[in-house]
Amino acid sequence: MLTEPFVTDYCRANMWLVRGSECDMLVDTGMGICALEPEIEITQGKPLLAVATHVHLDHVGSLHEFAWRAGPRLEAEFFETMPDEATYANMFRNFPGAVSELPWPGWNSADYAIKPAPLHRLLDEGDVIELGDRRFRVLHLPGHSPGSIGLFDELDGKLFSGDAIHGGLLVDDMPDSDRAAYCATMRRLIALPVRVAHGGHTDSIDGARMREIAEDYLRKNEG
């Protein structure tokens, strides 16, 4: 797990480097305030696929730095230009206490922008990402955003869940959020044989805790 320690808690997202025998995978790329690619331990001669779980600012900021990029088909058009209405980058420009330390003298959150990062591979429900000795099934998990995806290792029970579920505050009140879709996602997650969920925020959670969080969300939102 990688993170950006000086970014405000609300926008500080997890990034996950997953090793495979033939290909490595980076799940999400943070805010992009400082260059991410030099911090990744890349294996010479082995490809690296950078996967965005959705197009919000705290998950795609450094996506443009990587030569091979994948993300949800349902949000693919936004990766072409990274507009504020999809990424919510404008929110960070006006965020009080955006960072606890400046990345360089004169840095100002008002200048924050996300560079376009067109996708090379468009991911749909049921697609498989092969890393050689590991494979991850793409799950469409809408609610937080329309195209949100998770990546599930069906053999190991490991889920990279993005913002669909994690141990922190689940955000379902963004302009592109859909609580009814989120409830359907929660019902699906409850039924999945997840052993551990590595989310977009906070620490990883085991499957039992993930199901508790999903059940609590349903109690609060299904009356």
C-alpha atoms as a PDB file:
ATOM      1  CA  MET A   1       0.000   0.000   0.000  1.00  0.00           C
ATOM      2  CA  LEU A   2       1.153   3.494  -0.862  1.00  0.00           C
ATOM      3  CA  THR A   3      -0.407   6.741   0.269  1.00  0.00           C
ATOM      4  CA  GLU A   4       0.198  10.514   0.221  1.00  0.00           C
ATOM      5  CA  PRO A   5       0.829  11.326   3.905  1.00  0.00           C
ATOM      6  CA  PHE A   6       0.624  15.116   3.653  1.00  0.00           C
ATOM      7  CA  VAL A   7      -2.701  15.243   1.807  1.00  0.00           C
ATOM      8  CA  THR A   8      -5.799  16.035   3.882  1.00  0.00           C
ATOM      9  CA  ASP A   9      -7.521  12.926   5.230  1.00  0.00           C
ATOM     10  CA  TYR A  10     -10.600  13.433   3.067  1.00  0.00           C
ATOM     11  CA  CYS A  11      -8.598  13.239  -0.164  1.00  0.00           C
ATOM     12  CA  ARG A  12      -5.891  10.806   0.933  1.00  0.00           C
ATOM     13  CA  ALA A  13      -6.498   7.560  -0.927  1.00  0.00           C
ATOM     14  CA  ASN A  14      -4.736   4.219  -0.898  1.00  0.00           C
ATOM     15  CA  MET A  15      -2.748   2.951  -3.859  1.00  0.00           C
ATOM     16  CA  TRP A  16      -2.005  -0.751  -4.150  1.00  0.00           C
ATOM     17  CA  LEU A  17       0.954  -2.312  -5.973  1.00  0.00           C
ATOM     18  CA  VAL A  18       0.161  -5.931  -6.802  1.00  0.00           C
ATOM     19  CA  ARG A  19       2.969  -8.216  -7.969  1.00  0.00           C
ATOM     20  CA  GLY A  20       2.429 -10.910 -10.560  1.00  0.00           C
ATOM     21  CA  SER A  21       4.774 -13.383 -12.204  1.00  0.00           C
ATOM     22  CA  GLU A  22       4.278 -11.874 -15.663  1.00  0.00           C
ATOM     23  CA  CYS A  23       2.717  -8.463 -15.014  1.00  0.00           C
ATOM     24  CA  ASP A  24       2.381  -6.073 -12.079  1.00  0.00           C
ATOM     25  CA  MET A  25      -0.709  -3.981 -11.359  1.00  0.00           C
ATOM     26  CA  LEU A  26      -1.094  -0.620  -9.650  1.00  0.00           C
ATOM     27  CA  VAL A  27      -4.600  -0.021  -8.314  1.00  0.00           C
ATOM     28  CA  ASP A  28      -5.358   3.737  -8.267  1.00  0.00           C
ATOM     29  CA  THR A  29      -2.837   6.581  -8.426  1.00  0.00           C
ATOM     30  CA  GLY A  30      -3.691   9.149  -5.756  1.00  0.00           C
ATOM     31  CA  MET A  31      -3.922  12.917  -6.131  1.00  0.00           C
ATOM     32  CA  GLY A  32      -0.846  13.370  -8.307  1.00  0.00           C
ATOM     33  CA  ILE A  33       0.503  16.322  -6.339  1.00  0.00           C
ATOM     34  CA  CYS A  34       4.000  14.853  -6.605  1.00  0.00           C
ATOM     35  CA  ALA A  35       5.229  12.360  -9.194  1.00  0.00           C
ATOM     36  CA  LEU A  36       4.214   8.804  -8.325  1.00  0.00           C
ATOM     37  CA  GLU A  37       5.976   6.748 -10.987  1.00  0.00           C
ATOM     38  CA  PRO A  38       9.494   7.235  -9.520  1.00  0.00           C
ATOM     39  CA  GLU A  39       8.236   5.840  -6.194  1.00  0.00           C
ATOM     40  CA  ILE A  40       7.010   2.573  -7.744  1.00  0.00           C
ATOM     41  CA  GLU A  41       9.437  -0.339  -7.634  1.00  0.00           C
ATOM     42  CA  ILE A  42       9.133  -1.331 -11.262  1.00  0.00           C
ATOM     43  CA  THR A  43      10.674  -4.626 -12.382  1.00  0.00           C
ATOM     44  CA  GLN A  44      12.695  -4.142 -15.548  1.00  0.00           C
ATOM     45  CA  GLY A  45      11.192  -6.044 -18.450  1.00  0.00           C
ATOM     46  CA  LYS A  46       7.869  -6.661 -16.680  1.00  0.00           C
ATOM     47  CA  PRO A  47       4.833  -4.598 -17.743  1.00  0.00           C
ATOM     48  CA  LEU A  48       2.887  -2.549 -15.212  1.00  0.00           C
ATOM     49  CA  LEU A  49      -0.834  -1.970 -15.650  1.00  0.00           C
ATOM     50  CA  ALA A  50      -2.229   1.064 -13.820  1.00  0.00           C
ATOM     51  CA  VAL A  51      -5.913   0.523 -13.043  1.00  0.00           C
ATOM     52  CA  ALA A  52      -8.281   3.265 -11.894  1.00  0.00           C
ATOM     53  CA  THR A  53     -11.266   2.044  -9.882  1.00  0.00           C
ATOM     54  CA  HIS A  54     -13.147   5.238 -10.799  1.00  0.00           C
ATOM     55  CA  VAL A  55     -12.443   8.739 -12.099  1.00  0.00           C
ATOM     56  CA  HIS A  56     -12.539  10.807  -8.883  1.00  0.00           C
ATOM     57  CA  LEU A  57      -9.560  13.069  -8.201  1.00  0.00           C
ATOM     58  CA  ASP A  58      -7.979  11.074  -5.368  1.00  0.00           C
ATOM     59  CA  HIS A  59      -7.714   7.969  -7.553  1.00  0.00           C
ATOM     60  CA  VAL A  60      -6.497   9.297 -10.928  1.00  0.00           C
ATOM     61  CA  GLY A  61      -4.108  12.169 -10.184  1.00  0.00           C
ATOM     62  CA  SER A  62      -0.975  10.374 -11.403  1.00  0.00           C
ATOM     63  CA  LEU A  63      -2.589   8.033 -13.904  1.00  0.00           C
ATOM     64  CA  HIS A  64      -1.094   9.956 -16.831  1.00  0.00           C
ATOM     65  CA  GLU A  65       2.421   8.999 -15.669  1.00  0.00           C
ATOM     66  CA  PHE A  66       1.909   5.362 -16.630  1.00  0.00           C
ATOM     67  CA  ALA A  67       2.176   4.000 -20.159  1.00  0.00           C
ATOM     68  CA  TRP A  68      -0.485   1.282 -19.809  1.00  0.00           C
ATOM     69  CA  ARG A  69      -3.766   2.351 -18.249  1.00  0.00           C
ATOM     70  CA  ALA A  70      -7.116   0.694 -17.587  1.00  0.00           C
ATOM     71  CA  GLY A  71     -10.367   1.806 -16.007  1.00  0.00           C
ATOM     72  CA  PRO A  72     -14.148   1.419 -16.121  1.00  0.00           C
ATOM     73  CA  ARG A  73     -15.727   1.670 -19.549  1.00  0.00           C
ATOM     74  CA  LEU A  74     -18.713   3.548 -18.105  1.00  0.00           C
ATOM     75  CA  GLU A  75     -16.462   6.477 -17.142  1.00  0.00           C
ATOM     76  CA  ALA A  76     -13.923   6.153 -19.976  1.00  0.00           C
ATOM     77  CA  GLU A  77     -14.839   9.397 -21.742  1.00  0.00           C
ATOM     78  CA  PHE A  78     -13.875  11.433 -18.684  1.00  0.00           C
ATOM     79  CA  PHE A  79     -10.319  10.095 -18.661  1.00  0.00           C
ATOM     80  CA  GLU A  80      -9.800  11.786 -22.034  1.00  0.00           C
ATOM     81  CA  THR A  81     -10.013  15.286 -20.530  1.00  0.00           C
ATOM     82  CA  MET A  82     -10.399  14.843 -16.731  1.00  0.00           C
ATOM     83  CA  PRO A  83     -13.167  17.470 -16.420  1.00  0.00           C
ATOM     84  CA  ASP A  84     -13.968  18.933 -13.002  1.00  0.00           C
ATOM     85  CA  GLU A  85     -17.559  17.756 -13.203  1.00  0.00           C
ATOM     86  CA  ALA A  86     -16.327  14.142 -13.202  1.00  0.00           C
ATOM     87  CA  THR A  87     -13.144  14.290 -11.115  1.00  0.00           C
ATOM     88  CA  TYR A  88     -14.235  16.992  -8.602  1.00  0.00           C
ATOM     89  CA  ALA A  89     -10.747  18.505  -8.793  1.00  0.00           C
ATOM     90  CA  ASN A  90     -12.388  21.879  -8.161  1.00  0.00           C
ATOM     91  CA  MET A  91     -13.280  20.676  -4.664  1.00  0.00           C
ATOM     92  CA  PHE A  92      -9.603  20.325  -3.746  1.00  0.00           C
ATOM     93  CA  ARG A  93      -8.683  23.773  -5.093  1.00  0.00           C
ATOM     94  CA  ASN A  94     -10.815  25.346  -2.380  1.00  0.00           C
ATOM     95  CA  PHE A  95     -10.190  22.790   0.359  1.00  0.00           C
ATOM     96  CA  PRO A  96      -8.990  24.336   3.635  1.00  0.00           C
ATOM     97  CA  GLY A  97      -5.828  22.639   4.845  1.00  0.00           C
ATOM     98  CA  ALA A  98      -5.446  20.757   1.563  1.00  0.00           C
ATOM     99  CA  VAL A  99      -1.953  19.615   2.543  1.00  0.00           C
ATOM    100  CA  SER A 100      -0.092  19.628   5.852  1.00  0.00           C
ATOM    101  CA  GLU A 101       3.267  20.303   4.158  1.00  0.00           C
ATOM    102  CA  LEU A 102       3.913  22.024   0.842  1.00  0.00           C
ATOM    103  CA  PRO A 103       5.416  19.730  -1.813  1.00  0.00           C
ATOM    104  CA  TRP A 104       7.568  22.649  -2.976  1.00  0.00           C
ATOM    105  CA  PRO A 105       7.845  26.387  -2.168  1.00  0.00           C
ATOM    106  CA  GLY A 106       5.020  28.391  -3.700  1.00  0.00           C
ATOM    107  CA  TRP A 107       2.727  25.403  -4.249  1.00  0.00           C
ATOM    108  CA  ASN A 108      -0.938  26.367  -4.038  1.00  0.00           C
ATOM    109  CA  SER A 109      -3.962  24.092  -4.086  1.00  0.00           C
ATOM    110  CA  ALA A 110      -5.742  26.679  -6.259  1.00  0.00           C
ATOM    111  CA  ASP A 111      -3.497  25.593  -9.139  1.00  0.00           C
ATOM    112  CA  TYR A 112      -4.335  21.904  -8.805  1.00  0.00           C
ATOM    113  CA  ALA A 113      -5.212  20.178 -12.083  1.00  0.00           C
ATOM    114  CA  ILE A 114      -5.379  16.599 -13.306  1.00  0.00           C
ATOM    115  CA  LYS A 115      -3.726  15.746 -16.611  1.00  0.00           C
ATOM    116  CA  PRO A 116      -5.713  13.731 -19.167  1.00  0.00           C
ATOM    117  CA  ALA A 117      -5.004   9.994 -19.132  1.00  0.00           C
ATOM    118  CA  PRO A 118      -6.903   8.195 -21.913  1.00  0.00           C
ATOM    119  CA  LEU A 119      -7.465   4.535 -21.148  1.00  0.00           C
ATOM    120  CA  HIS A 120      -5.840   1.774 -23.174  1.00  0.00           C
ATOM    121  CA  ARG A 121      -8.079  -0.956 -21.794  1.00  0.00           C
ATOM    122  CA  LEU A 122     -11.745  -0.468 -20.961  1.00  0.00           C
ATOM    123  CA  LEU A 123     -12.965  -2.688 -18.154  1.00  0.00           C
ATOM    124  CA  ASP A 124     -16.436  -4.212 -17.926  1.00  0.00           C
ATOM    125  CA  GLU A 125     -18.161  -6.507 -15.458  1.00  0.00           C
ATOM    126  CA  GLY A 126     -16.673 -10.004 -15.711  1.00  0.00           C
ATOM    127  CA  ASP A 127     -13.425  -9.041 -17.429  1.00  0.00           C
ATOM    128  CA  VAL A 128     -10.273 -10.680 -16.094  1.00  0.00           C
ATOM    129  CA  ILE A 129      -6.898  -9.056 -15.484  1.00  0.00           C
ATOM    130  CA  GLU A 130      -4.171 -11.684 -15.771  1.00  0.00           C
ATOM    131  CA  LEU A 131      -0.905 -11.137 -13.910  1.00  0.00           C
ATOM    132  CA  GLY A 132       0.492 -14.602 -14.616  1.00  0.00           C
ATOM    133  CA  ASP A 133       0.190 -16.426 -11.322  1.00  0.00           C
ATOM    134  CA  ARG A 134      -2.726 -14.235 -10.212  1.00  0.00           C
ATOM    135  CA  ARG A 135      -5.949 -13.166 -11.873  1.00  0.00           C
ATOM    136  CA  PHE A 136      -8.521 -10.579 -10.878  1.00  0.00           C
ATOM    137  CA  ARG A 137     -12.162 -10.516 -11.916  1.00  0.00           C
ATOM    138  CA  VAL A 138     -13.599  -7.062 -12.625  1.00  0.00           C
ATOM    139  CA  LEU A 139     -16.753  -6.335 -10.627  1.00  0.00           C
ATOM    140  CA  HIS A 140     -19.009  -3.388 -11.445  1.00  0.00           C
ATOM    141  CA  LEU A 141     -19.816  -1.869  -8.027  1.00  0.00           C
ATOM    142  CA  PRO A 142     -21.783   1.346  -8.677  1.00  0.00           C
ATOM    143  CA  GLY A 143     -23.177   3.724  -6.088  1.00  0.00           C
ATOM    144  CA  HIS A 144     -20.271   5.887  -5.033  1.00  0.00           C
ATOM    145  CA  SER A 145     -19.853   6.654  -8.725  1.00  0.00           C
ATOM    146  CA  PRO A 146     -21.615   5.202 -11.786  1.00  0.00           C
ATOM    147  CA  GLY A 147     -18.640   3.250 -13.081  1.00  0.00           C
ATOM    148  CA  SER A 148     -16.926   2.184  -9.871  1.00  0.00           C
ATOM    149  CA  ILE A 149     -15.228  -1.192 -10.119  1.00  0.00           C
ATOM    150  CA  GLY A 150     -13.565  -3.673  -7.801  1.00  0.00           C
ATOM    151  CA  LEU A 151     -10.923  -6.285  -8.602  1.00  0.00           C
ATOM    152  CA  PHE A 152     -11.514  -9.707  -7.043  1.00  0.00           C
ATOM    153  CA  ASP A 153      -9.046 -12.561  -6.738  1.00  0.00           C
ATOM    154  CA  GLU A 154     -11.555 -15.416  -6.686  1.00  0.00           C
ATOM    155  CA  LEU A 155      -8.976 -17.999  -5.614  1.00  0.00           C
ATOM    156  CA  ASP A 156      -7.527 -16.016  -2.724  1.00  0.00           C
ATOM    157  CA  GLY A 157     -10.633 -14.081  -1.675  1.00  0.00           C
ATOM    158  CA  LYS A 158      -8.833 -10.762  -1.950  1.00  0.00           C
ATOM    159  CA  LEU A 159     -10.825  -7.737  -3.140  1.00  0.00           C
ATOM    160  CA  PHE A 160      -9.465  -4.353  -4.176  1.00  0.00           C
ATOM    161  CA  SER A 161     -12.662  -2.424  -3.636  1.00  0.00           C
ATOM    162  CA  GLY A 162     -11.830   1.200  -4.436  1.00  0.00           C
ATOM    163  CA  ASP A 163     -14.431   3.434  -2.786  1.00  0.00           C
ATOM    164  CA  ALA A 164     -17.250   0.900  -3.090  1.00  0.00           C
ATOM    165  CA  ILE A 165     -16.521  -0.275   0.443  1.00  0.00           C
ATOM    166  CA  HIS A 166     -13.827   0.385   3.043  1.00  0.00           C
ATOM    167  CA  GLY A 167     -13.520   0.973   6.759  1.00  0.00           C
ATOM    168  CA  GLY A 168     -14.017   4.741   6.666  1.00  0.00           C
ATOM    169  CA  LEU A 169     -16.862   7.089   5.790  1.00  0.00           C
ATOM    170  CA  LEU A 170     -18.698   5.820   2.709  1.00  0.00           C
ATOM    171  CA  VAL A 171     -19.536   8.747   0.448  1.00  0.00           C
ATOM    172  CA  ASP A 172     -22.881   8.477  -1.325  1.00  0.00           C
ATOM    173  CA  ASP A 173     -23.876  12.133  -1.668  1.00  0.00           C
ATOM    174  CA  MET A 174     -21.710  13.267  -4.582  1.00  0.00           C
ATOM    175  CA  PRO A 175     -23.535  14.562  -7.664  1.00  0.00           C
ATOM    176  CA  ASP A 176     -22.848  11.279  -9.478  1.00  0.00           C
ATOM    177  CA  SER A 177     -23.686   9.010  -6.517  1.00  0.00           C
ATOM    178  CA  ASP A 178     -26.737   6.732  -6.496  1.00  0.00           C
ATOM    179  CA  ARG A 179     -27.915   5.266  -3.182  1.00  0.00           C
ATOM    180  CA  ALA A 180     -30.218   2.711  -4.787  1.00  0.00           C
ATOM    181  CA  ALA A 181     -27.299   1.418  -6.866  1.00  0.00           C
ATOM    182  CA  TYR A 182     -25.123   1.493  -3.752  1.00  0.00           C
ATOM    183  CA  CYS A 183     -27.636  -0.703  -1.913  1.00  0.00           C
ATOM    184  CA  ALA A 184     -27.514  -3.229  -4.751  1.00  0.00           C
ATOM    185  CA  THR A 185     -23.711  -3.174  -4.547  1.00  0.00           C
ATOM    186  CA  MET A 186     -23.853  -3.818  -0.801  1.00  0.00           C
ATOM    187  CA  ARG A 187     -26.151  -6.795  -1.286  1.00  0.00           C
ATOM    188  CA  ARG A 188     -23.729  -8.179  -3.827  1.00  0.00           C
ATOM    189  CA  LEU A 189     -20.724  -7.694  -1.564  1.00  0.00           C
ATOM    190  CA  ILE A 190     -22.443  -9.487   1.308  1.00  0.00           C
ATOM    191  CA  ALA A 191     -22.810 -12.566  -0.918  1.00  0.00           C
ATOM    192  CA  LEU A 192     -19.206 -12.583  -2.136  1.00  0.00           C
ATOM    193  CA  PRO A 193     -16.644 -14.915  -0.486  1.00  0.00           C
ATOM    194  CA  VAL A 194     -14.288 -12.038   0.325  1.00  0.00           C
ATOM    195  CA  ARG A 195     -11.485 -12.878   2.759  1.00  0.00           C
ATOM    196  CA  VAL A 196      -9.941  -9.403   2.889  1.00  0.00           C
ATOM    197  CA  ALA A 197     -10.901  -6.092   1.264  1.00  0.00           C
ATOM    198  CA  HIS A 198      -8.254  -3.532   0.397  1.00  0.00           C
ATOM    199  CA  GLY A 199     -10.216  -0.315   0.008  1.00  0.00           C
ATOM    200  CA  GLY A 200      -9.524   3.117  -1.347  1.00  0.00           C
ATOM    201  CA  HIS A 201      -9.299   4.610   2.146  1.00  0.00           C
ATOM    202  CA  THR A 202      -8.284   3.587   5.683  1.00  0.00           C
ATOM    203  CA  ASP A 203      -6.884   0.191   6.623  1.00  0.00           C
ATOM    204  CA  SER A 204      -7.793  -3.120   5.038  1.00  0.00           C
ATOM    205  CA  ILE A 205     -10.728  -5.016   6.526  1.00  0.00           C
ATOM    206  CA  ASP A 206     -11.490  -8.711   6.712  1.00  0.00           C
ATOM    207  CA  GLY A 207     -14.509 -10.243   5.034  1.00  0.00           C
ATOM    208  CA  ALA A 208     -16.584 -10.350   8.204  1.00  0.00           C
ATOM    209  CA  ARG A 209     -16.068  -6.641   8.843  1.00  0.00           C
ATOM    210  CA  MET A 210     -16.800  -5.847   5.195  1.00  0.00           C
ATOM    211  CA  ARG A 211     -20.134  -7.633   5.454  1.00  0.00           C
ATOM    212  CA  GLU A 212     -20.951  -5.806   8.700  1.00  0.00           C
ATOM    213  CA  ILE A 213     -20.336  -2.458   6.983  1.00  0.00           C
ATOM    214  CA  ALA A 214     -22.504  -3.473   4.018  1.00  0.00           C
ATOM    215  CA  GLU A 215     -25.328  -4.672   6.266  1.00  0.00           C
ATOM    216  CA  ASP A 216     -25.190  -1.457   8.294  1.00  0.00           C
ATOM    217  CA  TYR A 217     -25.427   0.603   5.110  1.00  0.00           C
ATOM    218  CA  LEU A 218     -28.495  -1.345   4.025  1.00  0.00           C
ATOM    219  CA  ARG A 219     -30.198  -0.884   7.395  1.00  0.00           C
ATOM    220  CA  LYS A 220     -29.729   2.859   7.156  1.00  0.00           C
ATOM    221  CA  ASN A 221     -30.749   3.225   3.521  1.00  0.00           C
ATOM    222  CA  GLU A 222     -33.439   0.627   2.867  1.00  0.00           C
ATOM    223  CA  GLY A 223     -35.729   1.685   5.705  1.00  0.00           C
END
